[in-house]
């Protein structure tokens, strides 16, 4: 019963956020937080798995099915190169994990664009009023970054502890090409679903942070949803911006 009440409350928050977006003329005008600017990833956990190439067969801390472990054990970066699949570890379900920088800006009043210099990838978050904006047209081929529908959640609430404001951004991404959750070939399938929550907060010293919580659900390769959180620190401009190609056998 408590779970049902939580779901109902979440639905009410999402509905109120959608109404506010429509009433104020777009997601940009209604934005309760400012995600725009340049951000650099700060690797505080799993350093050896993110800053270095993890060895083949290392899928520690990942809830893989037997099929998922078998696929990870069969990883062959040379084959990925030969097949033109160097970007498999730069898809939406892993790109925020790859060390690098983000440039976030509004493409239009209802589309937030996220550019990643690692792999030179672009994600588009479409804010979705009831008519279905953000849903891919029928027959749209799967893409590395999939199709992402975004919404503001928790609008109208009060700020929380640590300077955190209410109104996080929720993004749901589907229509993905099969890719990797880790650089060493740990797989996710075309049926994977990515749910993300974006929050910002400030430290007393003035540092501005972006925190991205990622939840990947994939009944083929994962026994349960796989949740991770990645921090990014805001930088004043594009210093260090370094677009790189997708690389099948390097950490970035």
C-alpha atoms as a PDB file:
ATOM      1  CA  UNK A   1       0.000   0.000   0.000  1.00  0.00           C
ATOM      2  CA  UNK A   2       2.848   2.362   0.832  1.00  0.00           C
ATOM      3  CA  UNK A   3       4.423   1.572  -2.536  1.00  0.00           C
ATOM      4  CA  UNK A   4       1.199   2.470  -4.320  1.00  0.00           C
ATOM      5  CA  UNK A   5       1.046   5.782  -2.457  1.00  0.00           C
ATOM      6  CA  UNK A   6       4.645   6.546  -3.457  1.00  0.00           C
ATOM      7  CA  UNK A   7       3.870   5.792  -7.092  1.00  0.00           C
ATOM      8  CA  UNK A   8       0.773   7.983  -6.978  1.00  0.00           C
ATOM      9  CA  UNK A   9       2.784  10.819  -5.446  1.00  0.00           C
ATOM     10  CA  UNK A  10       5.493  10.475  -8.111  1.00  0.00           C
ATOM     11  CA  UNK A  11       2.842  10.528 -10.830  1.00  0.00           C
ATOM     12  CA  UNK A  12       1.291  13.664  -9.364  1.00  0.00           C
ATOM     13  CA  UNK A  13       4.676  15.383  -9.309  1.00  0.00           C
ATOM     14  CA  UNK A  14       5.360  14.456 -12.922  1.00  0.00           C
ATOM     15  CA  UNK A  15       1.916  15.637 -13.998  1.00  0.00           C
ATOM     16  CA  UNK A  16       2.324  18.971 -12.228  1.00  0.00           C
ATOM     17  CA  UNK A  17       5.721  19.409 -13.858  1.00  0.00           C
ATOM     18  CA  UNK A  18       4.273  18.770 -17.314  1.00  0.00           C
ATOM     19  CA  UNK A  19       1.464  21.249 -16.702  1.00  0.00           C
ATOM     20  CA  UNK A  20       3.949  23.893 -15.619  1.00  0.00           C
ATOM     21  CA  UNK A  21       6.061  23.331 -18.724  1.00  0.00           C
ATOM     22  CA  UNK A  22       3.004  23.855 -20.911  1.00  0.00           C
ATOM     23  CA  UNK A  23       1.776  26.873 -18.955  1.00  0.00           C
ATOM     24  CA  UNK A  24       5.105  28.701 -19.098  1.00  0.00           C
ATOM     25  CA  UNK A  25       5.863  28.064 -22.747  1.00  0.00           C
ATOM     26  CA  UNK A  26       8.466  25.338 -22.634  1.00  0.00           C
ATOM     27  CA  UNK A  27      10.858  23.323 -20.525  1.00  0.00           C
ATOM     28  CA  UNK A  28      13.589  25.949 -20.652  1.00  0.00           C
ATOM     29  CA  UNK A  29      11.293  28.638 -19.206  1.00  0.00           C
ATOM     30  CA  UNK A  30      10.055  26.270 -16.494  1.00  0.00           C
ATOM     31  CA  UNK A  31      13.488  24.884 -15.589  1.00  0.00           C
ATOM     32  CA  UNK A  32      13.901  24.806 -11.780  1.00  0.00           C
ATOM     33  CA  UNK A  33      17.644  24.192 -12.150  1.00  0.00           C
ATOM     34  CA  UNK A  34      20.348  25.314 -14.511  1.00  0.00           C
ATOM     35  CA  UNK A  35      22.289  22.406 -15.957  1.00  0.00           C
ATOM     36  CA  UNK A  36      23.898  24.419 -18.742  1.00  0.00           C
ATOM     37  CA  UNK A  37      27.621  24.958 -19.052  1.00  0.00           C
ATOM     38  CA  UNK A  38      30.736  22.798 -19.007  1.00  0.00           C
ATOM     39  CA  UNK A  39      31.246  19.976 -16.516  1.00  0.00           C
ATOM     40  CA  UNK A  40      34.179  17.646 -15.884  1.00  0.00           C
ATOM     41  CA  UNK A  41      33.784  14.142 -14.484  1.00  0.00           C
ATOM     42  CA  UNK A  42      35.299  13.556 -11.053  1.00  0.00           C
ATOM     43  CA  UNK A  43      36.215   9.892 -10.644  1.00  0.00           C
ATOM     44  CA  UNK A  44      35.906   9.099  -6.947  1.00  0.00           C
ATOM     45  CA  UNK A  45      34.890   5.427  -7.126  1.00  0.00           C
ATOM     46  CA  UNK A  46      35.993   2.444  -9.210  1.00  0.00           C
ATOM     47  CA  UNK A  47      39.007   4.413 -10.436  1.00  0.00           C
ATOM     48  CA  UNK A  48      40.737   1.301 -11.790  1.00  0.00           C
ATOM     49  CA  UNK A  49      37.649   0.403 -13.822  1.00  0.00           C
ATOM     50  CA  UNK A  50      37.123   3.850 -15.326  1.00  0.00           C
ATOM     51  CA  UNK A  51      40.512   5.521 -15.686  1.00  0.00           C
ATOM     52  CA  UNK A  52      42.199   2.310 -16.852  1.00  0.00           C
ATOM     53  CA  UNK A  53      41.049  -0.412 -19.219  1.00  0.00           C
ATOM     54  CA  UNK A  54      39.521  -3.123 -17.020  1.00  0.00           C
ATOM     55  CA  UNK A  55      40.731  -6.611 -17.886  1.00  0.00           C
ATOM     56  CA  UNK A  56      38.588  -8.948 -19.900  1.00  0.00           C
ATOM     57  CA  UNK A  57      36.282 -10.964 -17.671  1.00  0.00           C
ATOM     58  CA  UNK A  58      36.187  -8.400 -14.852  1.00  0.00           C
ATOM     59  CA  UNK A  59      32.489  -7.847 -14.262  1.00  0.00           C
ATOM     60  CA  UNK A  60      32.714  -7.419 -10.512  1.00  0.00           C
ATOM     61  CA  UNK A  61      29.800  -5.557  -8.892  1.00  0.00           C
ATOM     62  CA  UNK A  62      27.606  -6.100 -11.960  1.00  0.00           C
ATOM     63  CA  UNK A  63      24.447  -8.252 -11.594  1.00  0.00           C
ATOM     64  CA  UNK A  64      24.879 -10.241 -14.801  1.00  0.00           C
ATOM     65  CA  UNK A  65      22.834 -13.170 -15.993  1.00  0.00           C
ATOM     66  CA  UNK A  66      24.720 -16.258 -17.201  1.00  0.00           C
ATOM     67  CA  UNK A  67      24.182 -15.006 -20.768  1.00  0.00           C
ATOM     68  CA  UNK A  68      25.635 -11.647 -19.789  1.00  0.00           C
ATOM     69  CA  UNK A  69      28.751 -13.246 -18.295  1.00  0.00           C
ATOM     70  CA  UNK A  70      29.174 -15.397 -21.391  1.00  0.00           C
ATOM     71  CA  UNK A  71      28.968 -12.342 -23.654  1.00  0.00           C
ATOM     72  CA  UNK A  72      31.469 -10.421 -21.495  1.00  0.00           C
ATOM     73  CA  UNK A  73      33.902 -13.346 -21.580  1.00  0.00           C
ATOM     74  CA  UNK A  74      33.697 -13.340 -25.386  1.00  0.00           C
ATOM     75  CA  UNK A  75      34.588  -9.634 -25.756  1.00  0.00           C
ATOM     76  CA  UNK A  76      36.933  -9.003 -28.681  1.00  0.00           C
ATOM     77  CA  UNK A  77      37.933  -5.342 -29.260  1.00  0.00           C
ATOM     78  CA  UNK A  78      39.586  -6.221 -32.580  1.00  0.00           C
ATOM     79  CA  UNK A  79      36.271  -7.570 -33.832  1.00  0.00           C
ATOM     80  CA  UNK A  80      34.480  -4.416 -32.653  1.00  0.00           C
ATOM     81  CA  UNK A  81      36.960  -2.343 -34.666  1.00  0.00           C
ATOM     82  CA  UNK A  82      36.566  -4.514 -37.747  1.00  0.00           C
ATOM     83  CA  UNK A  83      32.762  -4.316 -37.507  1.00  0.00           C
ATOM     84  CA  UNK A  84      32.702  -0.540 -37.017  1.00  0.00           C
ATOM     85  CA  UNK A  85      31.419  -0.921 -33.450  1.00  0.00           C
ATOM     86  CA  UNK A  86      34.089   1.096 -31.630  1.00  0.00           C
ATOM     87  CA  UNK A  87      31.315   3.186 -30.008  1.00  0.00           C
ATOM     88  CA  UNK A  88      29.683   0.309 -28.116  1.00  0.00           C
ATOM     89  CA  UNK A  89      31.039   1.558 -24.778  1.00  0.00           C
ATOM     90  CA  UNK A  90      30.006   5.168 -25.550  1.00  0.00           C
ATOM     91  CA  UNK A  91      26.257   4.536 -25.746  1.00  0.00           C
ATOM     92  CA  UNK A  92      23.769   6.249 -23.449  1.00  0.00           C
ATOM     93  CA  UNK A  93      23.945   3.560 -20.760  1.00  0.00           C
ATOM     94  CA  UNK A  94      27.692   4.112 -20.237  1.00  0.00           C
ATOM     95  CA  UNK A  95      28.728   7.487 -21.677  1.00  0.00           C
ATOM     96  CA  UNK A  96      28.315   9.310 -18.355  1.00  0.00           C
ATOM     97  CA  UNK A  97      30.733   6.808 -16.824  1.00  0.00           C
ATOM     98  CA  UNK A  98      33.490   7.434 -19.384  1.00  0.00           C
ATOM     99  CA  UNK A  99      35.921  10.063 -18.009  1.00  0.00           C
ATOM    100  CA  UNK A 100      35.701  13.371 -19.823  1.00  0.00           C
ATOM    101  CA  UNK A 101      33.785  16.622 -20.103  1.00  0.00           C
ATOM    102  CA  UNK A 102      30.189  17.520 -20.848  1.00  0.00           C
ATOM    103  CA  UNK A 103      28.779  20.607 -22.521  1.00  0.00           C
ATOM    104  CA  UNK A 104      25.091  21.049 -21.694  1.00  0.00           C
ATOM    105  CA  UNK A 105      22.966  23.616 -23.515  1.00  0.00           C
ATOM    106  CA  UNK A 106      19.456  24.120 -24.861  1.00  0.00           C
ATOM    107  CA  UNK A 107      18.976  23.088 -28.493  1.00  0.00           C
ATOM    108  CA  UNK A 108      15.483  24.625 -28.397  1.00  0.00           C
ATOM    109  CA  UNK A 109      12.861  25.471 -25.768  1.00  0.00           C
ATOM    110  CA  UNK A 110      12.020  21.799 -25.165  1.00  0.00           C
ATOM    111  CA  UNK A 111      15.260  19.985 -25.968  1.00  0.00           C
ATOM    112  CA  UNK A 112      18.311  19.902 -23.711  1.00  0.00           C
ATOM    113  CA  UNK A 113      21.488  18.853 -25.514  1.00  0.00           C
ATOM    114  CA  UNK A 114      24.377  17.078 -23.800  1.00  0.00           C
ATOM    115  CA  UNK A 115      27.652  16.863 -25.724  1.00  0.00           C
ATOM    116  CA  UNK A 116      30.396  14.563 -24.439  1.00  0.00           C
ATOM    117  CA  UNK A 117      33.959  15.073 -25.634  1.00  0.00           C
ATOM    118  CA  UNK A 118      34.792  11.415 -24.977  1.00  0.00           C
ATOM    119  CA  UNK A 119      33.764   9.592 -28.117  1.00  0.00           C
ATOM    120  CA  UNK A 120      32.337  12.886 -29.504  1.00  0.00           C
ATOM    121  CA  UNK A 121      28.782  11.894 -28.581  1.00  0.00           C
ATOM    122  CA  UNK A 122      25.583  13.972 -28.423  1.00  0.00           C
ATOM    123  CA  UNK A 123      22.475  13.212 -26.382  1.00  0.00           C
ATOM    124  CA  UNK A 124      19.143  15.012 -26.855  1.00  0.00           C
ATOM    125  CA  UNK A 125      16.667  15.144 -23.968  1.00  0.00           C
ATOM    126  CA  UNK A 126      13.166  15.878 -25.283  1.00  0.00           C
ATOM    127  CA  UNK A 127      10.694  17.185 -22.730  1.00  0.00           C
ATOM    128  CA  UNK A 128       7.463  15.331 -23.371  1.00  0.00           C
ATOM    129  CA  UNK A 129       3.998  16.905 -23.024  1.00  0.00           C
ATOM    130  CA  UNK A 130       0.994  14.582 -23.489  1.00  0.00           C
ATOM    131  CA  UNK A 131       1.082  14.633 -27.298  1.00  0.00           C
ATOM    132  CA  UNK A 132       4.163  12.432 -27.131  1.00  0.00           C
ATOM    133  CA  UNK A 133       7.077  14.700 -27.989  1.00  0.00           C
ATOM    134  CA  UNK A 134      10.289  12.782 -27.512  1.00  0.00           C
ATOM    135  CA  UNK A 135       8.947   9.391 -28.574  1.00  0.00           C
ATOM    136  CA  UNK A 136      10.780   8.105 -31.665  1.00  0.00           C
ATOM    137  CA  UNK A 137       8.702   7.761 -34.841  1.00  0.00           C
ATOM    138  CA  UNK A 138       7.709   4.207 -35.667  1.00  0.00           C
ATOM    139  CA  UNK A 139      10.505   2.399 -37.424  1.00  0.00           C
ATOM    140  CA  UNK A 140      13.285   4.632 -36.084  1.00  0.00           C
ATOM    141  CA  UNK A 141      16.457   2.514 -36.027  1.00  0.00           C
ATOM    142  CA  UNK A 142      18.163   2.082 -32.651  1.00  0.00           C
ATOM    143  CA  UNK A 143      20.954   4.571 -31.938  1.00  0.00           C
ATOM    144  CA  UNK A 144      23.940   4.638 -29.592  1.00  0.00           C
ATOM    145  CA  UNK A 145      22.265   7.432 -27.607  1.00  0.00           C
ATOM    146  CA  UNK A 146      18.745   6.072 -28.087  1.00  0.00           C
ATOM    147  CA  UNK A 147      15.629   8.219 -27.751  1.00  0.00           C
ATOM    148  CA  UNK A 148      15.331  10.197 -24.514  1.00  0.00           C
ATOM    149  CA  UNK A 149      12.189  11.697 -22.953  1.00  0.00           C
ATOM    150  CA  UNK A 150      12.760  14.164 -20.108  1.00  0.00           C
ATOM    151  CA  UNK A 151      10.593  15.742 -17.410  1.00  0.00           C
ATOM    152  CA  UNK A 152      11.032  18.070 -14.436  1.00  0.00           C
ATOM    153  CA  UNK A 153      10.065  16.399 -11.168  1.00  0.00           C
ATOM    154  CA  UNK A 154       9.272  17.823  -7.740  1.00  0.00           C
ATOM    155  CA  UNK A 155       8.429  21.314  -8.981  1.00  0.00           C
ATOM    156  CA  UNK A 156       7.055  23.689  -6.375  1.00  0.00           C
ATOM    157  CA  UNK A 157       8.822  22.123  -3.381  1.00  0.00           C
ATOM    158  CA  UNK A 158      11.370  23.597  -0.982  1.00  0.00           C
ATOM    159  CA  UNK A 159      15.110  23.344  -1.132  1.00  0.00           C
ATOM    160  CA  UNK A 160      16.705  20.514   0.768  1.00  0.00           C
ATOM    161  CA  UNK A 161      19.848  20.176   2.843  1.00  0.00           C
ATOM    162  CA  UNK A 162      23.233  21.066   1.485  1.00  0.00           C
ATOM    163  CA  UNK A 163      21.896  23.727  -0.823  1.00  0.00           C
ATOM    164  CA  UNK A 164      20.049  21.204  -2.992  1.00  0.00           C
ATOM    165  CA  UNK A 165      16.979  22.546  -4.750  1.00  0.00           C
ATOM    166  CA  UNK A 166      13.888  20.589  -5.665  1.00  0.00           C
ATOM    167  CA  UNK A 167      12.981  19.963  -9.280  1.00  0.00           C
ATOM    168  CA  UNK A 168      15.387  17.273 -10.471  1.00  0.00           C
ATOM    169  CA  UNK A 169      15.353  16.184 -14.101  1.00  0.00           C
ATOM    170  CA  UNK A 170      14.260  12.650 -14.946  1.00  0.00           C
ATOM    171  CA  UNK A 171      15.274  11.165 -18.287  1.00  0.00           C
ATOM    172  CA  UNK A 172      14.128   7.823 -19.707  1.00  0.00           C
ATOM    173  CA  UNK A 173      16.041   6.444 -22.689  1.00  0.00           C
ATOM    174  CA  UNK A 174      15.015   3.539 -24.909  1.00  0.00           C
ATOM    175  CA  UNK A 175      15.583   2.494 -28.544  1.00  0.00           C
ATOM    176  CA  UNK A 176      19.245   1.773 -27.851  1.00  0.00           C
ATOM    177  CA  UNK A 177      21.752  -0.070 -29.985  1.00  0.00           C
ATOM    178  CA  UNK A 178      23.352  -2.927 -28.042  1.00  0.00           C
ATOM    179  CA  UNK A 179      26.374  -1.619 -26.168  1.00  0.00           C
ATOM    180  CA  UNK A 180      28.659  -2.038 -23.178  1.00  0.00           C
ATOM    181  CA  UNK A 181      28.179  -1.094 -19.529  1.00  0.00           C
ATOM    182  CA  UNK A 182      31.918  -1.285 -19.040  1.00  0.00           C
ATOM    183  CA  UNK A 183      34.786  -0.732 -21.465  1.00  0.00           C
ATOM    184  CA  UNK A 184      35.714  -4.421 -21.373  1.00  0.00           C
ATOM    185  CA  UNK A 185      32.625  -5.686 -23.155  1.00  0.00           C
ATOM    186  CA  UNK A 186      30.086  -6.124 -20.334  1.00  0.00           C
ATOM    187  CA  UNK A 187      26.904  -5.982 -22.429  1.00  0.00           C
ATOM    188  CA  UNK A 188      23.513  -4.359 -22.467  1.00  0.00           C
ATOM    189  CA  UNK A 189      20.966  -5.350 -25.092  1.00  0.00           C
ATOM    190  CA  UNK A 190      18.655  -3.519 -27.479  1.00  0.00           C
ATOM    191  CA  UNK A 191      15.887  -4.014 -24.898  1.00  0.00           C
ATOM    192  CA  UNK A 192      17.733  -2.120 -22.169  1.00  0.00           C
ATOM    193  CA  UNK A 193      15.971   0.806 -20.524  1.00  0.00           C
ATOM    194  CA  UNK A 194      17.952   3.664 -18.987  1.00  0.00           C
ATOM    195  CA  UNK A 195      16.427   5.875 -16.303  1.00  0.00           C
ATOM    196  CA  UNK A 196      18.447   8.859 -15.059  1.00  0.00           C
ATOM    197  CA  UNK A 197      18.042  11.575 -12.443  1.00  0.00           C
ATOM    198  CA  UNK A 198      20.015  14.807 -12.765  1.00  0.00           C
ATOM    199  CA  UNK A 199      20.558  17.071  -9.759  1.00  0.00           C
ATOM    200  CA  UNK A 200      22.771  20.069  -9.042  1.00  0.00           C
ATOM    201  CA  UNK A 201      24.037  21.481  -5.761  1.00  0.00           C
ATOM    202  CA  UNK A 202      26.654  23.923  -4.485  1.00  0.00           C
ATOM    203  CA  UNK A 203      29.368  23.478  -1.876  1.00  0.00           C
ATOM    204  CA  UNK A 204      30.125  26.198   0.722  1.00  0.00           C
ATOM    205  CA  UNK A 205      33.330  27.026  -1.200  1.00  0.00           C
ATOM    206  CA  UNK A 206      31.276  27.877  -4.286  1.00  0.00           C
ATOM    207  CA  UNK A 207      31.947  24.715  -6.282  1.00  0.00           C
ATOM    208  CA  UNK A 208      28.954  23.705  -8.367  1.00  0.00           C
ATOM    209  CA  UNK A 209      28.221  20.008  -8.841  1.00  0.00           C
ATOM    210  CA  UNK A 210      26.109  17.902 -11.169  1.00  0.00           C
ATOM    211  CA  UNK A 211      25.100  14.483  -9.890  1.00  0.00           C
ATOM    212  CA  UNK A 212      23.720  11.893 -12.296  1.00  0.00           C
ATOM    213  CA  UNK A 213      22.067   8.733 -10.988  1.00  0.00           C
ATOM    214  CA  UNK A 214      21.716   6.053 -13.642  1.00  0.00           C
ATOM    215  CA  UNK A 215      19.491   2.960 -13.457  1.00  0.00           C
ATOM    216  CA  UNK A 216      19.811   0.382 -16.235  1.00  0.00           C
ATOM    217  CA  UNK A 217      17.210  -2.351 -16.595  1.00  0.00           C
ATOM    218  CA  UNK A 218      17.890  -5.182 -19.037  1.00  0.00           C
ATOM    219  CA  UNK A 219      16.080  -8.508 -18.576  1.00  0.00           C
ATOM    220  CA  UNK A 220      18.427 -10.245 -20.994  1.00  0.00           C
ATOM    221  CA  UNK A 221      21.784  -9.447 -19.415  1.00  0.00           C
ATOM    222  CA  UNK A 222      20.999  -8.154 -15.903  1.00  0.00           C
ATOM    223  CA  UNK A 223      19.388 -10.033 -13.030  1.00  0.00           C
ATOM    224  CA  UNK A 224      18.234  -6.757 -11.450  1.00  0.00           C
ATOM    225  CA  UNK A 225      18.386  -3.010 -12.173  1.00  0.00           C
ATOM    226  CA  UNK A 226      21.944  -1.694 -12.093  1.00  0.00           C
ATOM    227  CA  UNK A 227      22.211   1.697 -10.342  1.00  0.00           C
ATOM    228  CA  UNK A 228      25.234   3.996 -10.268  1.00  0.00           C
ATOM    229  CA  UNK A 229      25.889   7.673  -9.490  1.00  0.00           C
ATOM    230  CA  UNK A 230      28.408   9.902 -11.248  1.00  0.00           C
ATOM    231  CA  UNK A 231      29.563  13.360 -10.048  1.00  0.00           C
ATOM    232  CA  UNK A 232      30.643  16.212 -12.327  1.00  0.00           C
ATOM    233  CA  UNK A 233      32.144  19.544 -11.261  1.00  0.00           C
ATOM    234  CA  UNK A 234      31.312  22.721 -13.149  1.00  0.00           C
ATOM    235  CA  UNK A 235      34.183  24.468 -14.894  1.00  0.00           C
ATOM    236  CA  UNK A 236      34.074  28.113 -16.027  1.00  0.00           C
ATOM    237  CA  UNK A 237      34.477  27.496 -19.755  1.00  0.00           C
ATOM    238  CA  UNK A 238      35.495  24.858 -22.261  1.00  0.00           C
ATOM    239  CA  UNK A 239      39.013  24.537 -20.868  1.00  0.00           C
ATOM    240  CA  UNK A 240      40.383  21.095 -21.573  1.00  0.00           C
ATOM    241  CA  UNK A 241      37.588  20.292 -24.034  1.00  0.00           C
ATOM    242  CA  UNK A 242      39.059  17.439 -26.058  1.00  0.00           C
ATOM    243  CA  UNK A 243      36.775  15.663 -28.556  1.00  0.00           C
ATOM    244  CA  UNK A 244      38.085  12.167 -29.188  1.00  0.00           C
ATOM    245  CA  UNK A 245      36.904   9.347 -31.449  1.00  0.00           C
ATOM    246  CA  UNK A 246      35.341   6.197 -30.064  1.00  0.00           C
ATOM    247  CA  UNK A 247      38.045   3.757 -29.013  1.00  0.00           C
ATOM    248  CA  UNK A 248      37.413   0.069 -28.523  1.00  0.00           C
ATOM    249  CA  UNK A 249      40.499  -0.675 -26.432  1.00  0.00           C
ATOM    250  CA  UNK A 250      41.294   2.519 -24.496  1.00  0.00           C
ATOM    251  CA  UNK A 251      39.807   3.872 -21.278  1.00  0.00           C
ATOM    252  CA  UNK A 252      38.609   7.088 -22.950  1.00  0.00           C
END
